[in-house]
Protein backbone atom coordinates (compact mmCIF):
# COMPACT_ATOMS: atom_id res chain seq x y z
CA MET A 1 108.88 81.30 103.80
CA ARG A 2 109.04 82.18 107.02
CA ILE A 3 112.37 83.13 108.43
CA ALA A 4 113.61 83.90 112.09
CA ASN A 5 114.05 88.04 112.90
CA SER A 6 117.47 87.20 113.77
CA VAL A 7 118.27 86.18 110.55
CA HIS A 8 117.52 89.87 109.40
CA GLN A 9 118.83 91.34 112.29
CA ALA A 10 122.23 89.72 111.54
CA HIS A 11 122.40 92.06 108.34
CA ALA A 12 123.52 95.46 108.98
CA TRP A 13 120.80 97.38 106.97
CA VAL A 14 119.84 100.77 107.18
CA ILE A 15 116.21 100.21 107.96
CA SER A 16 117.80 98.81 111.84
CA GLN A 17 119.12 102.24 112.41
CA ILE A 18 116.11 104.38 111.72
CA THR A 19 113.58 101.41 113.54
CA HIS A 20 115.07 101.62 117.15
CA ASP A 21 111.47 102.07 118.34
CA PHE A 22 109.79 99.92 116.39
CA LYS A 23 109.15 95.89 116.61
CA LEU A 24 110.51 93.71 114.02
CA MET A 25 106.95 91.84 113.25
CA ASP A 26 107.78 89.66 110.51
CA VAL A 27 110.45 88.47 108.25
CA TRP A 28 109.33 86.50 105.40
CA ALA A 29 111.94 84.67 102.67
CA LEU A 30 110.96 85.74 99.21
CA PRO A 31 109.91 83.18 95.94
CA ALA A 32 112.52 85.15 94.74
CA GLU A 33 116.34 84.73 93.74
CA GLY A 34 118.62 86.16 90.79
CA GLU A 35 121.35 88.01 90.62
CA ARG A 36 122.57 91.40 92.17
CA ASP A 37 121.50 93.28 89.37
CA GLU A 38 117.60 92.17 89.54
CA PHE A 39 116.53 93.58 92.69
CA ASP A 40 115.27 96.17 90.08
CA SER A 41 113.07 93.34 89.22
CA LEU A 42 111.51 93.13 92.06
CA LEU A 43 111.06 95.97 93.09
CA GLU A 44 108.72 96.82 90.29
CA ILE A 45 106.66 93.45 91.18
CA VAL A 46 105.85 94.04 94.80
CA ALA A 47 104.74 98.28 94.22
CA SER A 48 102.92 97.30 92.20
CA PHE A 49 100.85 95.13 94.31
CA ASP A 50 97.77 96.26 94.27
CA PRO A 51 95.72 94.57 97.85
CA ALA A 52 92.65 94.10 96.21
CA ASP A 53 93.42 91.93 93.36
CA ALA A 54 95.81 89.52 95.75
CA GLY A 55 95.50 85.68 93.60
CA SER A 56 92.89 84.83 97.01
CA ALA A 57 89.18 85.86 96.88
CA VAL A 58 89.82 85.69 101.33
CA SER A 59 93.20 87.71 100.82
CA SER A 60 90.77 90.35 98.86
CA ALA A 61 87.90 89.92 100.64
CA LEU A 62 89.81 90.47 103.74
CA PHE A 63 91.52 94.08 102.47
CA TRP A 64 88.02 94.87 101.36
CA ILE A 65 86.75 94.72 105.02
CA ARG A 66 90.05 97.00 105.85
CA PHE A 67 89.63 99.42 103.73
CA ARG A 68 85.60 99.72 104.21
CA LEU A 69 86.73 99.41 108.21
CA GLY A 70 88.88 102.62 107.41
CA GLU A 71 86.82 104.85 105.82
CA LEU A 72 83.53 104.13 108.48
CA PHE A 73 85.99 105.03 110.94
CA GLY A 74 88.16 107.09 109.15
CA TRP A 75 91.08 105.37 110.31
CA ASP A 76 92.83 106.15 106.82
CA LYS A 77 92.23 110.00 106.61
CA GLU A 78 94.94 111.78 104.86
CA GLU A 79 96.59 114.41 107.77
CA LYS A 80 99.76 114.13 109.92
CA ARG A 81 100.14 112.56 112.44
CA SER A 82 103.94 111.72 114.62
CA ILE A 83 105.23 108.53 114.78
CA PRO A 84 103.77 107.50 118.04
CA GLY A 85 105.65 108.66 120.83
CA ALA A 86 108.41 110.39 118.71
CA GLY A 87 108.41 114.11 117.49
CA GLU A 88 108.62 112.77 113.86
CA ALA A 89 106.30 112.60 111.40
CA SER A 90 108.46 110.47 108.94
CA LEU A 91 110.55 107.60 109.23
CA SER A 92 112.84 109.72 106.28
CA ALA A 93 113.79 112.50 108.98
CA ARG A 94 116.46 109.89 110.53
CA LEU A 95 117.88 108.96 107.13
CA PRO A 96 121.50 109.37 107.24
CA GLU A 97 122.01 113.36 104.57
CA ASP A 98 123.08 110.99 101.49
CA LEU A 99 119.65 108.43 101.60
CA ARG A 100 116.96 111.86 101.89
CA GLY A 101 115.70 111.45 98.15
CA SER A 102 116.87 108.36 97.32
CA ALA A 103 113.54 106.10 96.76
CA SER A 104 112.24 107.58 93.47
CA GLY A 105 111.34 104.59 92.29
CA PRO A 106 110.13 102.29 90.82
CA ALA A 107 106.81 104.10 91.12
CA ILE A 108 104.31 102.27 94.30
CA SER A 109 100.87 101.89 92.70
CA ASP A 110 97.63 103.55 92.51
CA ALA A 111 95.96 100.86 94.88
CA MET A 112 99.44 100.87 97.02
CA ARG A 113 99.39 104.17 97.80
CA GLN A 114 95.68 104.59 98.96
CA ALA A 115 96.04 100.88 100.82
CA ALA A 116 95.58 102.05 104.63
CA GLY A 117 96.36 105.42 104.57
CA GLY A 118 98.99 104.76 101.29
CA PHE A 119 102.45 104.12 101.15
CA ILE A 120 105.10 106.47 100.59
CA PRO A 121 108.62 105.08 99.55
CA LEU A 122 111.48 106.21 102.45
CA TYR A 123 114.69 105.08 101.10
CA ARG A 124 116.95 102.91 97.94
CA THR A 125 119.83 101.89 98.39
CA GLN A 126 121.26 98.86 96.19
CA GLU A 127 120.35 96.21 98.72
CA GLU A 128 117.48 97.92 100.25
CA TRP A 129 114.13 99.77 99.44
CA ALA A 130 111.59 100.75 102.35
CA ALA A 131 108.52 102.47 102.14
CA GLU A 132 106.45 103.42 105.57
CA LEU A 133 102.91 103.35 106.18
CA SER A 134 100.35 105.89 108.60
CA ASN A 135 97.41 105.93 109.51
CA ALA A 136 95.29 106.21 113.07
CA THR A 137 95.99 102.68 113.71
CA VAL A 138 100.12 102.02 113.35
CA HIS A 139 102.95 103.47 111.93
CA GLY A 140 104.39 100.68 109.81
CA VAL A 141 107.15 100.40 107.56
CA LEU A 142 107.15 97.40 104.76
CA HIS A 143 111.22 96.48 104.14
CA LEU A 144 112.58 94.30 100.33
CA ALA A 145 116.28 93.34 100.93
CA TRP A 146 118.20 91.88 98.39
CA VAL A 147 119.90 89.16 100.55
CA ASP A 148 123.37 87.99 99.00
CA GLN A 149 123.25 84.27 98.76
CA GLY A 150 126.84 83.54 97.67
CA GLU A 151 128.46 82.64 94.78
CA GLY A 152 127.34 85.83 93.04
CA ARG A 153 123.11 84.51 93.70
CA TYR A 154 120.60 86.58 95.95
CA ARG A 155 117.26 86.43 97.33
CA GLY A 156 114.24 88.80 97.88
CA GLU A 157 113.73 88.98 101.56
CA LEU A 158 110.71 90.90 103.52
CA ALA A 159 110.50 92.46 106.75
CA ILE A 160 107.28 94.58 108.36
CA TYR A 161 107.87 97.12 110.84
CA VAL A 162 105.55 98.68 112.99
CA LYS A 163 105.20 101.25 115.98
CA PRO A 164 101.00 100.84 117.17
CA ARG A 165 99.27 103.99 117.46
CA GLY A 166 98.40 103.61 121.41
CA LYS A 167 95.39 100.82 122.74
CA LEU A 168 93.53 101.24 119.60
CA GLY A 169 96.86 99.61 116.87
CA GLU A 170 97.47 96.77 119.68
CA VAL A 171 94.10 95.12 119.42
CA TYR A 172 94.41 95.68 115.74
CA LEU A 173 97.41 94.16 115.87
CA ARG A 174 96.71 91.41 117.51
CA LEU A 175 93.63 91.05 115.48
CA ILE A 176 94.78 90.35 112.23
CA GLY A 177 98.23 88.70 113.54
CA PRO A 178 96.76 84.78 112.61
CA PHE A 179 95.38 86.38 108.74
CA ARG A 180 98.31 87.74 108.27
CA HIS A 181 100.09 84.69 108.56
CA LEU A 182 97.63 81.80 107.48
CA ILE A 183 95.79 83.88 104.60
CA VAL A 184 97.40 87.34 103.48
CA TYR A 185 101.43 86.85 103.68
CA PRO A 186 101.05 82.98 101.79
CA ALA A 187 98.70 85.03 98.67
CA LEU A 188 101.68 87.67 98.40
CA MET A 189 103.97 84.46 98.53
CA ARG A 190 102.46 82.97 96.22
CA GLN A 191 101.78 85.97 93.78
CA ILE A 192 105.12 87.13 93.65
CA ASP A 193 106.17 83.59 93.04
CA ARG A 194 103.72 83.40 89.45
CA ARG A 195 105.18 86.59 88.82
CA TRP A 196 108.94 86.28 89.14
CA ASN A 197 108.69 83.07 87.35
CA SER A 198 107.00 84.39 84.37
CA ARG A 199 109.47 87.23 84.03
CA SER A 200 112.45 84.89 83.87
CA ARG A 201 110.69 83.00 81.43
């Protein structure tokens, strides 16, 4: 279920402190609820995600097309790029000292490391985890939170922050918007739901 950005922004997340010049694109309540110490299980599920095998033929096809376009136009070449409009190459430079190097786990799947330039873990706290991605179209952040629901229950939340890289990035984000909302995220939610419930049993 998609939720209002303001709900996410009402929390004092670390990610909000280091992405002041990024746009919060989407926030989704994940089909994963549990106790405080079950955040690790959600992280393992998301970190092992394979975009090309998303459990939906249409979603997988969209990712396949995106990766082929990335190869054709060189969008995802490994090279050092600064965050658009900033001097840093990584948001890790903006982290408090005690959080640098805190995202040692879980291990991100090879598919996630190679997807559209590759996700690199940023930091980890008891209730947050973030990974960033940088390519020729955007500098983006995938943020997972374990949100207190009261009475010892927590729910997963996914937020996406982006900063487009020039006109190409702006056009790219506009074009993929409908596909993200109607196909990609619903397929991801179904996959998380299946794996979370399977884990619970």
